Amino acid sequence: MEKLVLVGTKRVENAKKSRKNGFIPGVVYGKNSQTIPVKFKEVEFINFLKVKGEKSKILISIDNEENLGIIKEVSRDLVTNKIAHVDIQLVKRNELVNWTIPIVYTGRSSLKTKGLYLQMYLSEVEVAGEAAKIPDIIKLDVSAKDFGDNIKVKDLGLNSEIRTMKETEEIIATVTV
């Protein structure tokens, strides 16, 4: 599989001018590195997000220097919903980080055929651990669940070296009618 790299350049103009010229402005920051204002070609950035998602580990290349990063925030314009700004944190593979990752519940169509629905209380979870060991998303299969079944934080199936900021017995979803 070809590695996917987000390519950007250092930004000298203000964010508004970058947006006007078809770029998405942002900042790249990290431990032991300066905050760098950057910009990304809008179409390329949107296509990148379609593949990787808004809260994922990424390879980022700024002026031909490649690093591992985490998309921490994608800000959108309240009126147009267009991406207004992006924050990316540079990390080392073994660096301990706090990160919010999405939970994807699969198998919901199987519940629907039984006349059941999944009531979700949590669609993402904050975790801490080594950057390389944290998954981009958590996929949780609910197809075998029955009425009244609760899905808890402990059911997420995370690597034992990754800890959540929630109690393991906290209910994150329930199967209802």
N, C-alpha and C. Protein backbone atom coordinates (compact mmCIF):
# COMPACT_ATOMS: atom_id res chain seq x y z
N MET A 1 0.84 -1.19 0.00
CA MET A 1 0.00 0.00 0.00
C MET A 1 0.88 1.24 0.00
N GLU A 2 0.55 2.18 -0.85
CA GLU A 2 1.30 3.42 -0.96
C GLU A 2 1.08 4.27 0.27
N LYS A 3 2.18 4.83 0.81
CA LYS A 3 2.01 5.67 2.00
C LYS A 3 1.43 7.02 1.57
N LEU A 4 0.52 7.51 2.38
CA LEU A 4 -0.17 8.74 2.11
C LEU A 4 0.46 9.86 2.93
N VAL A 5 0.93 10.90 2.27
CA VAL A 5 1.62 12.00 2.94
C VAL A 5 0.86 13.30 2.66
N LEU A 6 0.58 14.04 3.72
CA LEU A 6 -0.04 15.35 3.57
C LEU A 6 1.07 16.36 3.32
N VAL A 7 1.00 17.05 2.18
CA VAL A 7 2.05 17.98 1.79
C VAL A 7 1.57 19.41 2.00
N GLY A 8 2.40 20.18 2.70
CA GLY A 8 2.10 21.58 2.94
C GLY A 8 3.34 22.43 2.79
N THR A 9 3.15 23.73 2.90
CA THR A 9 4.28 24.66 2.84
C THR A 9 4.15 25.66 3.98
N LYS A 10 5.31 26.24 4.35
CA LYS A 10 5.29 27.28 5.38
C LYS A 10 4.51 28.46 4.83
N ARG A 11 3.79 29.12 5.73
CA ARG A 11 2.93 30.23 5.34
C ARG A 11 3.51 31.53 5.87
N VAL A 12 3.62 32.53 5.00
CA VAL A 12 4.10 33.85 5.42
C VAL A 12 2.95 34.87 5.43
N GLU A 13 1.93 34.64 4.61
CA GLU A 13 0.78 35.55 4.56
C GLU A 13 -0.20 35.19 5.68
N ASN A 14 -1.16 36.08 5.92
CA ASN A 14 -2.15 35.79 6.97
C ASN A 14 -3.13 34.72 6.48
N ALA A 15 -3.87 34.15 7.43
CA ALA A 15 -4.77 33.03 7.14
C ALA A 15 -5.85 33.41 6.12
N LYS A 16 -6.39 34.62 6.26
CA LYS A 16 -7.46 35.06 5.36
C LYS A 16 -6.99 35.08 3.90
N LYS A 17 -5.78 35.57 3.68
CA LYS A 17 -5.23 35.62 2.32
C LYS A 17 -4.99 34.21 1.79
N SER A 18 -4.53 33.31 2.65
CA SER A 18 -4.33 31.91 2.23
C SER A 18 -5.63 31.30 1.75
N ARG A 19 -6.71 31.48 2.54
CA ARG A 19 -8.02 30.93 2.14
C ARG A 19 -8.48 31.51 0.81
N LYS A 20 -8.27 32.82 0.63
CA LYS A 20 -8.68 33.50 -0.60
C LYS A 20 -7.95 32.92 -1.82
N ASN A 21 -6.72 32.44 -1.60
CA ASN A 21 -5.90 31.90 -2.69
C ASN A 21 -6.05 30.39 -2.85
N GLY A 22 -7.07 29.77 -2.20
CA GLY A 22 -7.34 28.36 -2.39
C GLY A 22 -6.57 27.43 -1.47
N PHE A 23 -6.09 27.96 -0.36
CA PHE A 23 -5.36 27.14 0.61
C PHE A 23 -6.13 27.06 1.92
N ILE A 24 -5.79 26.05 2.71
CA ILE A 24 -6.31 25.94 4.07
C ILE A 24 -5.15 26.26 5.00
N PRO A 25 -5.30 27.32 5.81
CA PRO A 25 -4.21 27.66 6.73
C PRO A 25 -4.22 26.75 7.95
N GLY A 26 -3.08 26.68 8.60
CA GLY A 26 -2.98 25.87 9.80
C GLY A 26 -1.71 26.15 10.55
N VAL A 27 -1.53 25.41 11.63
CA VAL A 27 -0.29 25.46 12.40
C VAL A 27 0.17 24.04 12.68
N VAL A 28 1.48 23.88 12.73
CA VAL A 28 2.10 22.62 13.09
C VAL A 28 2.95 22.90 14.32
N TYR A 29 2.76 22.10 15.36
CA TYR A 29 3.50 22.32 16.60
C TYR A 29 3.85 20.97 17.21
N GLY A 30 4.74 20.99 18.17
CA GLY A 30 5.10 19.76 18.85
C GLY A 30 6.13 20.02 19.93
N LYS A 31 6.41 18.97 20.71
CA LYS A 31 7.44 19.07 21.74
C LYS A 31 8.77 19.37 21.08
N ASN A 32 9.50 20.28 21.67
CA ASN A 32 10.84 20.63 21.19
C ASN A 32 10.86 21.14 19.75
N SER A 33 9.76 21.72 19.31
CA SER A 33 9.75 22.35 17.98
C SER A 33 8.91 23.62 18.03
N GLN A 34 9.28 24.56 17.20
CA GLN A 34 8.55 25.81 17.15
C GLN A 34 7.21 25.62 16.45
N THR A 35 6.25 26.48 16.78
CA THR A 35 4.97 26.49 16.07
C THR A 35 5.22 27.10 14.71
N ILE A 36 4.80 26.38 13.66
CA ILE A 36 5.03 26.83 12.29
C ILE A 36 3.69 27.09 11.62
N PRO A 37 3.46 28.32 11.13
CA PRO A 37 2.25 28.55 10.33
C PRO A 37 2.43 27.88 8.97
N VAL A 38 1.40 27.14 8.54
CA VAL A 38 1.48 26.38 7.29
C VAL A 38 0.22 26.59 6.46
N LYS A 39 0.27 26.09 5.24
CA LYS A 39 -0.92 26.09 4.38
C LYS A 39 -0.91 24.83 3.53
N PHE A 40 -2.13 24.38 3.19
CA PHE A 40 -2.32 23.19 2.38
C PHE A 40 -3.25 23.53 1.23
N LYS A 41 -3.02 22.95 0.05
CA LYS A 41 -3.94 23.16 -1.07
C LYS A 41 -5.29 22.58 -0.65
N GLU A 42 -6.33 23.39 -0.79
CA GLU A 42 -7.65 23.02 -0.28
C GLU A 42 -8.16 21.69 -0.82
N VAL A 43 -8.14 21.51 -2.13
CA VAL A 43 -8.67 20.28 -2.73
C VAL A 43 -7.88 19.07 -2.26
N GLU A 44 -6.55 19.17 -2.22
CA GLU A 44 -5.72 18.06 -1.76
C GLU A 44 -5.99 17.72 -0.30
N PHE A 45 -6.16 18.76 0.53
CA PHE A 45 -6.41 18.53 1.95
C PHE A 45 -7.76 17.84 2.16
N ILE A 46 -8.77 18.29 1.46
CA ILE A 46 -10.11 17.68 1.59
C ILE A 46 -10.07 16.22 1.14
N ASN A 47 -9.40 15.94 0.03
CA ASN A 47 -9.26 14.55 -0.43
C ASN A 47 -8.49 13.71 0.58
N PHE A 48 -7.47 14.29 1.20
CA PHE A 48 -6.69 13.59 2.22
C PHE A 48 -7.59 13.22 3.40
N LEU A 49 -8.43 14.17 3.84
CA LEU A 49 -9.33 13.92 4.96
C LEU A 49 -10.36 12.84 4.64
N LYS A 50 -10.79 12.77 3.39
CA LYS A 50 -11.75 11.74 2.99
C LYS A 50 -11.17 10.35 3.18
N VAL A 51 -9.86 10.22 2.99
CA VAL A 51 -9.19 8.93 3.14
C VAL A 51 -8.83 8.66 4.60
N LYS A 52 -8.24 9.64 5.27
CA LYS A 52 -7.68 9.43 6.61
C LYS A 52 -8.62 9.81 7.75
N GLY A 53 -9.55 10.73 7.52
CA GLY A 53 -10.42 11.20 8.59
C GLY A 53 -9.83 12.40 9.32
N GLU A 54 -10.69 13.06 10.10
CA GLU A 54 -10.28 14.30 10.75
C GLU A 54 -9.47 14.11 12.03
N LYS A 55 -9.47 12.93 12.59
CA LYS A 55 -8.73 12.69 13.83
C LYS A 55 -7.85 11.48 13.62
N SER A 56 -6.76 11.67 12.90
CA SER A 56 -5.94 10.52 12.57
C SER A 56 -4.45 10.84 12.64
N LYS A 57 -3.67 9.77 12.71
CA LYS A 57 -2.22 9.89 12.60
C LYS A 57 -1.91 10.10 11.13
N ILE A 58 -0.96 10.96 10.86
CA ILE A 58 -0.63 11.26 9.47
C ILE A 58 0.88 11.41 9.31
N LEU A 59 1.32 11.24 8.08
CA LEU A 59 2.66 11.65 7.70
C LEU A 59 2.49 13.02 7.06
N ILE A 60 3.26 13.98 7.53
CA ILE A 60 3.14 15.34 7.02
C ILE A 60 4.50 15.79 6.51
N SER A 61 4.49 16.42 5.35
CA SER A 61 5.71 16.93 4.76
C SER A 61 5.56 18.44 4.59
N ILE A 62 6.41 19.16 5.30
CA ILE A 62 6.44 20.62 5.17
C ILE A 62 7.80 20.99 4.60
N ASP A 63 7.81 21.59 3.42
CA ASP A 63 9.05 21.96 2.73
C ASP A 63 10.02 20.78 2.68
N ASN A 64 9.52 19.62 2.26
CA ASN A 64 10.28 18.37 2.06
C ASN A 64 10.83 17.75 3.34
N GLU A 65 10.35 18.15 4.51
CA GLU A 65 10.73 17.52 5.77
C GLU A 65 9.53 16.73 6.27
N GLU A 66 9.68 15.38 6.33
CA GLU A 66 8.57 14.49 6.66
C GLU A 66 8.58 14.14 8.16
N ASN A 67 7.39 14.22 8.80
CA ASN A 67 7.24 13.91 10.21
C ASN A 67 5.92 13.18 10.45
N LEU A 68 5.84 12.51 11.60
CA LEU A 68 4.59 11.90 12.05
C LEU A 68 3.81 12.96 12.80
N GLY A 69 2.52 13.04 12.56
CA GLY A 69 1.69 14.03 13.24
C GLY A 69 0.31 13.50 13.53
N ILE A 70 -0.41 14.26 14.33
CA ILE A 70 -1.79 13.95 14.68
C ILE A 70 -2.62 15.18 14.35
N ILE A 71 -3.69 14.99 13.60
CA ILE A 71 -4.61 16.10 13.35
C ILE A 71 -5.38 16.31 14.65
N LYS A 72 -5.13 17.43 15.32
CA LYS A 72 -5.75 17.71 16.60
C LYS A 72 -7.09 18.43 16.44
N GLU A 73 -7.18 19.32 15.47
CA GLU A 73 -8.43 20.05 15.29
C GLU A 73 -8.57 20.54 13.85
N VAL A 74 -9.78 20.39 13.34
CA VAL A 74 -10.14 20.96 12.05
C VAL A 74 -11.29 21.93 12.33
N SER A 75 -11.00 23.23 12.20
CA SER A 75 -12.02 24.25 12.45
C SER A 75 -12.75 24.56 11.16
N ARG A 76 -14.07 24.76 11.29
CA ARG A 76 -14.89 25.05 10.12
C ARG A 76 -15.60 26.38 10.27
N ASP A 77 -15.87 27.03 9.14
CA ASP A 77 -16.65 28.26 9.12
C ASP A 77 -18.08 27.92 9.51
N LEU A 78 -18.66 28.67 10.43
CA LEU A 78 -20.00 28.37 10.93
C LEU A 78 -21.09 28.53 9.87
N VAL A 79 -20.88 29.42 8.92
CA VAL A 79 -21.89 29.67 7.89
C VAL A 79 -21.75 28.71 6.72
N THR A 80 -20.54 28.58 6.19
CA THR A 80 -20.33 27.78 4.97
C THR A 80 -19.93 26.33 5.25
N ASN A 81 -19.50 26.04 6.46
CA ASN A 81 -19.00 24.73 6.88
C ASN A 81 -17.71 24.34 6.14
N LYS A 82 -17.08 25.30 5.45
CA LYS A 82 -15.80 25.04 4.81
C LYS A 82 -14.71 25.01 5.88
N ILE A 83 -13.67 24.26 5.62
CA ILE A 83 -12.56 24.18 6.57
C ILE A 83 -11.86 25.54 6.61
N ALA A 84 -11.73 26.07 7.83
CA ALA A 84 -11.13 27.39 8.02
C ALA A 84 -9.69 27.30 8.51
N HIS A 85 -9.37 26.25 9.26
CA HIS A 85 -8.04 26.16 9.89
C HIS A 85 -7.81 24.74 10.38
N VAL A 86 -6.56 24.33 10.44
CA VAL A 86 -6.22 23.00 10.95
C VAL A 86 -5.02 23.10 11.89
N ASP A 87 -5.08 22.33 12.99
CA ASP A 87 -3.97 22.23 13.94
C ASP A 87 -3.41 20.81 13.87
N ILE A 88 -2.09 20.70 13.71
CA ILE A 88 -1.44 19.39 13.64
C ILE A 88 -0.31 19.36 14.67
N GLN A 89 -0.34 18.32 15.50
CA GLN A 89 0.70 18.14 16.51
C GLN A 89 1.71 17.12 15.99
N LEU A 90 2.99 17.51 15.95
CA LEU A 90 4.05 16.58 15.57
C LEU A 90 4.38 15.70 16.76
N VAL A 91 4.57 14.41 16.51
CA VAL A 91 4.88 13.46 17.58
C VAL A 91 5.95 12.48 17.11
N LYS A 92 6.64 11.91 18.07
CA LYS A 92 7.56 10.79 17.80
C LYS A 92 6.75 9.52 17.97
N ARG A 93 7.15 8.45 17.31
CA ARG A 93 6.41 7.18 17.37
C ARG A 93 6.24 6.68 18.80
N ASN A 94 7.24 6.86 19.64
CA ASN A 94 7.17 6.34 21.01
C ASN A 94 6.76 7.41 22.03
N GLU A 95 6.37 8.58 21.55
CA GLU A 95 5.96 9.67 22.44
C GLU A 95 4.59 9.39 23.05
N LEU A 96 4.45 9.68 24.34
CA LEU A 96 3.16 9.53 25.00
C LEU A 96 2.29 10.73 24.65
N VAL A 97 1.07 10.45 24.16
CA VAL A 97 0.16 11.52 23.75
C VAL A 97 -1.25 11.26 24.26
N ASN A 98 -1.99 12.32 24.43
CA ASN A 98 -3.44 12.25 24.68
C ASN A 98 -4.10 12.53 23.35
N TRP A 99 -5.17 11.76 23.05
CA TRP A 99 -5.75 11.87 21.73
C TRP A 99 -7.19 11.40 21.79
N THR A 100 -8.06 12.03 21.02
CA THR A 100 -9.45 11.62 20.91
C THR A 100 -9.62 10.88 19.60
N ILE A 101 -10.11 9.62 19.70
CA ILE A 101 -10.28 8.82 18.48
C ILE A 101 -11.75 8.42 18.32
N PRO A 102 -12.22 8.37 17.08
CA PRO A 102 -13.63 8.02 16.84
C PRO A 102 -13.91 6.53 17.04
N ILE A 103 -15.15 6.24 17.44
CA ILE A 103 -15.64 4.87 17.56
C ILE A 103 -16.62 4.65 16.41
N VAL A 104 -16.38 3.60 15.62
CA VAL A 104 -17.27 3.25 14.52
C VAL A 104 -17.99 1.96 14.90
N TYR A 105 -19.31 2.04 15.01
CA TYR A 105 -20.12 0.87 15.36
C TYR A 105 -20.53 0.18 14.07
N THR A 106 -20.04 -1.05 13.85
CA THR A 106 -20.39 -1.80 12.64
C THR A 106 -21.45 -2.86 13.01
N GLY A 107 -22.15 -3.35 12.01
CA GLY A 107 -23.15 -4.40 12.23
C GLY A 107 -24.50 -3.88 12.68
N ARG A 108 -24.74 -2.59 12.55
CA ARG A 108 -26.03 -2.02 12.98
C ARG A 108 -27.17 -2.50 12.10
N SER A 109 -26.88 -2.85 10.85
CA SER A 109 -27.94 -3.34 9.97
C SER A 109 -28.47 -4.69 10.46
N SER A 110 -27.61 -5.50 11.08
CA SER A 110 -28.06 -6.78 11.65
C SER A 110 -29.03 -6.55 12.81
N LEU A 111 -28.78 -5.51 13.58
CA LEU A 111 -29.69 -5.16 14.67
C LEU A 111 -31.05 -4.75 14.11
N LYS A 112 -30.99 -3.96 13.04
CA LYS A 112 -32.22 -3.44 12.45
C LYS A 112 -33.13 -4.57 11.95
N THR A 113 -32.54 -5.64 11.40
CA THR A 113 -33.34 -6.77 10.92
C THR A 113 -34.05 -7.49 12.07
N LYS A 114 -33.52 -7.34 13.29
CA LYS A 114 -34.16 -7.92 14.49
C LYS A 114 -35.11 -6.93 15.15
N GLY A 115 -35.29 -5.76 14.52
CA GLY A 115 -36.15 -4.73 15.10
C GLY A 115 -35.50 -3.98 16.26
N LEU A 116 -34.18 -3.99 16.28
CA LEU A 116 -33.43 -3.34 17.36
C LEU A 116 -32.64 -2.15 16.84
N TYR A 117 -32.30 -1.26 17.73
CA TYR A 117 -31.51 -0.08 17.40
C TYR A 117 -30.39 0.07 18.41
N LEU A 118 -29.36 0.77 18.00
CA LEU A 118 -28.24 1.03 18.89
C LEU A 118 -28.33 2.48 19.36
N GLN A 119 -28.49 2.65 20.66
CA GLN A 119 -28.49 3.99 21.26
C GLN A 119 -27.04 4.28 21.66
N MET A 120 -26.40 5.20 20.95
CA MET A 120 -24.98 5.51 21.20
C MET A 120 -24.85 6.70 22.14
N TYR A 121 -24.07 6.53 23.17
CA TYR A 121 -23.81 7.62 24.12
C TYR A 121 -22.44 8.23 23.89
N LEU A 122 -21.59 7.51 23.19
CA LEU A 122 -20.22 7.96 22.96
C LEU A 122 -19.82 7.62 21.53
N SER A 123 -19.39 8.64 20.76
CA SER A 123 -18.95 8.39 19.39
C SER A 123 -17.45 8.54 19.23
N GLU A 124 -16.79 8.97 20.30
CA GLU A 124 -15.34 9.06 20.33
C GLU A 124 -14.87 8.93 21.76
N VAL A 125 -13.60 8.58 21.93
CA VAL A 125 -13.08 8.37 23.27
C VAL A 125 -11.67 8.96 23.36
N GLU A 126 -11.39 9.59 24.49
CA GLU A 126 -10.06 10.14 24.71
C GLU A 126 -9.17 9.06 25.31
N VAL A 127 -7.99 8.89 24.71
CA VAL A 127 -7.06 7.87 25.15
C VAL A 127 -5.68 8.48 25.35
N ALA A 128 -4.81 7.72 26.02
CA ALA A 128 -3.42 8.12 26.21
C ALA A 128 -2.53 6.92 25.99
N GLY A 129 -1.39 7.14 25.38
CA GLY A 129 -0.43 6.07 25.14
C GLY A 129 0.59 6.49 24.11
N GLU A 130 1.41 5.53 23.69
CA GLU A 130 2.41 5.82 22.66
C GLU A 130 1.71 6.07 21.33
N ALA A 131 2.15 7.11 20.64
CA ALA A 131 1.51 7.53 19.39
C ALA A 131 1.40 6.38 18.38
N ALA A 132 2.43 5.57 18.25
CA ALA A 132 2.42 4.50 17.25
C ALA A 132 1.43 3.40 17.59
N LYS A 133 1.06 3.25 18.85
CA LYS A 133 0.18 2.15 19.27
C LYS A 133 -1.30 2.54 19.32
N ILE A 134 -1.58 3.82 19.19
CA ILE A 134 -2.97 4.28 19.24
C ILE A 134 -3.58 4.13 17.85
N PRO A 135 -4.73 3.45 17.74
CA PRO A 135 -5.35 3.28 16.41
C PRO A 135 -5.99 4.59 15.93
N ASP A 136 -6.17 4.70 14.61
CA ASP A 136 -6.84 5.88 14.04
C ASP A 136 -8.32 5.88 14.39
N ILE A 137 -8.94 4.69 14.40
CA ILE A 137 -10.35 4.54 14.76
C ILE A 137 -10.52 3.25 15.54
N ILE A 138 -11.61 3.15 16.26
CA ILE A 138 -11.96 1.91 16.94
C ILE A 138 -13.20 1.38 16.25
N LYS A 139 -13.12 0.16 15.69
CA LYS A 139 -14.29 -0.48 15.07
C LYS A 139 -14.85 -1.47 16.07
N LEU A 140 -16.14 -1.35 16.32
CA LEU A 140 -16.81 -2.19 17.31
C LEU A 140 -18.01 -2.86 16.65
N ASP A 141 -17.95 -4.20 16.52
CA ASP A 141 -19.02 -4.96 15.87
C ASP A 141 -20.16 -5.21 16.87
N VAL A 142 -21.35 -4.73 16.54
CA VAL A 142 -22.51 -4.89 17.43
C VAL A 142 -23.55 -5.85 16.85
N SER A 143 -23.23 -6.54 15.76
CA SER A 143 -24.21 -7.38 15.06
C SER A 143 -24.74 -8.53 15.92
N ALA A 144 -23.97 -9.03 16.86
CA ALA A 144 -24.40 -10.17 17.68
C ALA A 144 -25.08 -9.73 18.98
N LYS A 145 -25.27 -8.45 19.16
CA LYS A 145 -25.89 -7.95 20.40
C LYS A 145 -27.40 -8.16 20.36
N ASP A 146 -28.00 -8.25 21.56
CA ASP A 146 -29.44 -8.43 21.72
C ASP A 146 -30.03 -7.31 22.55
N PHE A 147 -31.37 -7.27 22.59
CA PHE A 147 -32.07 -6.24 23.35
C PHE A 147 -31.55 -6.18 24.79
N GLY A 148 -31.26 -4.95 25.23
CA GLY A 148 -30.80 -4.73 26.60
C GLY A 148 -29.31 -4.85 26.81
N ASP A 149 -28.59 -5.32 25.79
CA ASP A 149 -27.13 -5.43 25.93
C ASP A 149 -26.51 -4.04 26.03
N ASN A 150 -25.58 -3.91 26.95
CA ASN A 150 -24.82 -2.67 27.10
C ASN A 150 -23.41 -2.89 26.57
N ILE A 151 -22.89 -1.88 25.91
CA ILE A 151 -21.51 -1.90 25.45
C ILE A 151 -20.76 -0.92 26.33
N LYS A 152 -19.68 -1.39 26.92
CA LYS A 152 -18.93 -0.59 27.88
C LYS A 152 -17.56 -0.23 27.32
N VAL A 153 -16.91 0.71 27.99
CA VAL A 153 -15.58 1.14 27.58
C VAL A 153 -14.62 -0.05 27.50
N LYS A 154 -14.75 -0.99 28.43
CA LYS A 154 -13.86 -2.15 28.44
C LYS A 154 -14.05 -3.03 27.20
N ASP A 155 -15.17 -2.89 26.48
CA ASP A 155 -15.44 -3.67 25.28
C ASP A 155 -14.77 -3.10 24.02
N LEU A 156 -14.06 -1.99 24.15
CA LEU A 156 -13.46 -1.35 22.98
C LEU A 156 -12.29 -2.14 22.40
N GLY A 157 -11.72 -3.04 23.17
CA GLY A 157 -10.64 -3.89 22.66
C GLY A 157 -9.34 -3.15 22.39
N LEU A 158 -9.02 -2.18 23.23
CA LEU A 158 -7.78 -1.42 23.05
C LEU A 158 -6.58 -2.22 23.53
N ASN A 159 -5.44 -1.95 22.94
CA ASN A 159 -4.15 -2.49 23.38
C ASN A 159 -4.00 -2.19 24.87
N SER A 160 -3.48 -3.13 25.63
CA SER A 160 -3.35 -2.95 27.09
C SER A 160 -2.45 -1.78 27.46
N GLU A 161 -1.62 -1.32 26.52
CA GLU A 161 -0.74 -0.18 26.79
C GLU A 161 -1.42 1.16 26.54
N ILE A 162 -2.65 1.11 26.03
CA ILE A 162 -3.43 2.32 25.79
C ILE A 162 -4.47 2.42 26.89
N ARG A 163 -4.56 3.59 27.53
CA ARG A 163 -5.57 3.75 28.57
C ARG A 163 -6.57 4.83 28.14
N THR A 164 -7.81 4.63 28.58
CA THR A 164 -8.85 5.61 28.27
C THR A 164 -9.01 6.55 29.46
N MET A 165 -9.61 7.68 29.20
CA MET A 165 -9.87 8.66 30.25
C MET A 165 -11.24 8.41 30.89
N LYS A 166 -11.89 7.32 30.48
CA LYS A 166 -13.20 6.95 31.01
C LYS A 166 -13.06 5.71 31.89
N GLU A 167 -14.03 5.51 32.78
CA GLU A 167 -14.06 4.30 33.60
C GLU A 167 -14.37 3.11 32.71
N THR A 168 -13.75 1.96 32.97
CA THR A 168 -13.94 0.79 32.11
C THR A 168 -15.38 0.27 32.12
N GLU A 169 -16.12 0.53 33.18
CA GLU A 169 -17.51 0.06 33.28
C GLU A 169 -18.52 1.07 32.73
N GLU A 170 -18.05 2.20 32.24
CA GLU A 170 -18.96 3.21 31.71
C GLU A 170 -19.62 2.69 30.43
N ILE A 171 -20.95 2.85 30.35
CA ILE A 171 -21.73 2.39 29.20
C ILE A 171 -21.58 3.41 28.06
N ILE A 172 -21.20 2.90 26.87
CA ILE A 172 -21.02 3.79 25.73
C ILE A 172 -22.13 3.61 24.68
N ALA A 173 -22.87 2.48 24.78
CA ALA A 173 -24.00 2.24 23.87
C ALA A 173 -24.88 1.15 24.46
N THR A 174 -26.18 1.19 24.08
CA THR A 174 -27.15 0.21 24.56
C THR A 174 -28.01 -0.23 23.37
N VAL A 175 -28.37 -1.51 23.34
CA VAL A 175 -29.26 -2.02 22.30
C VAL A 175 -30.69 -1.88 22.80
N THR A 176 -31.53 -1.16 22.01
CA THR A 176 -32.93 -0.90 22.40
C THR A 176 -33.86 -1.28 21.25
N VAL A 177 -35.18 -1.16 21.54
CA VAL A 177 -36.19 -1.42 20.49
C VAL A 177 -36.69 -0.12 19.92
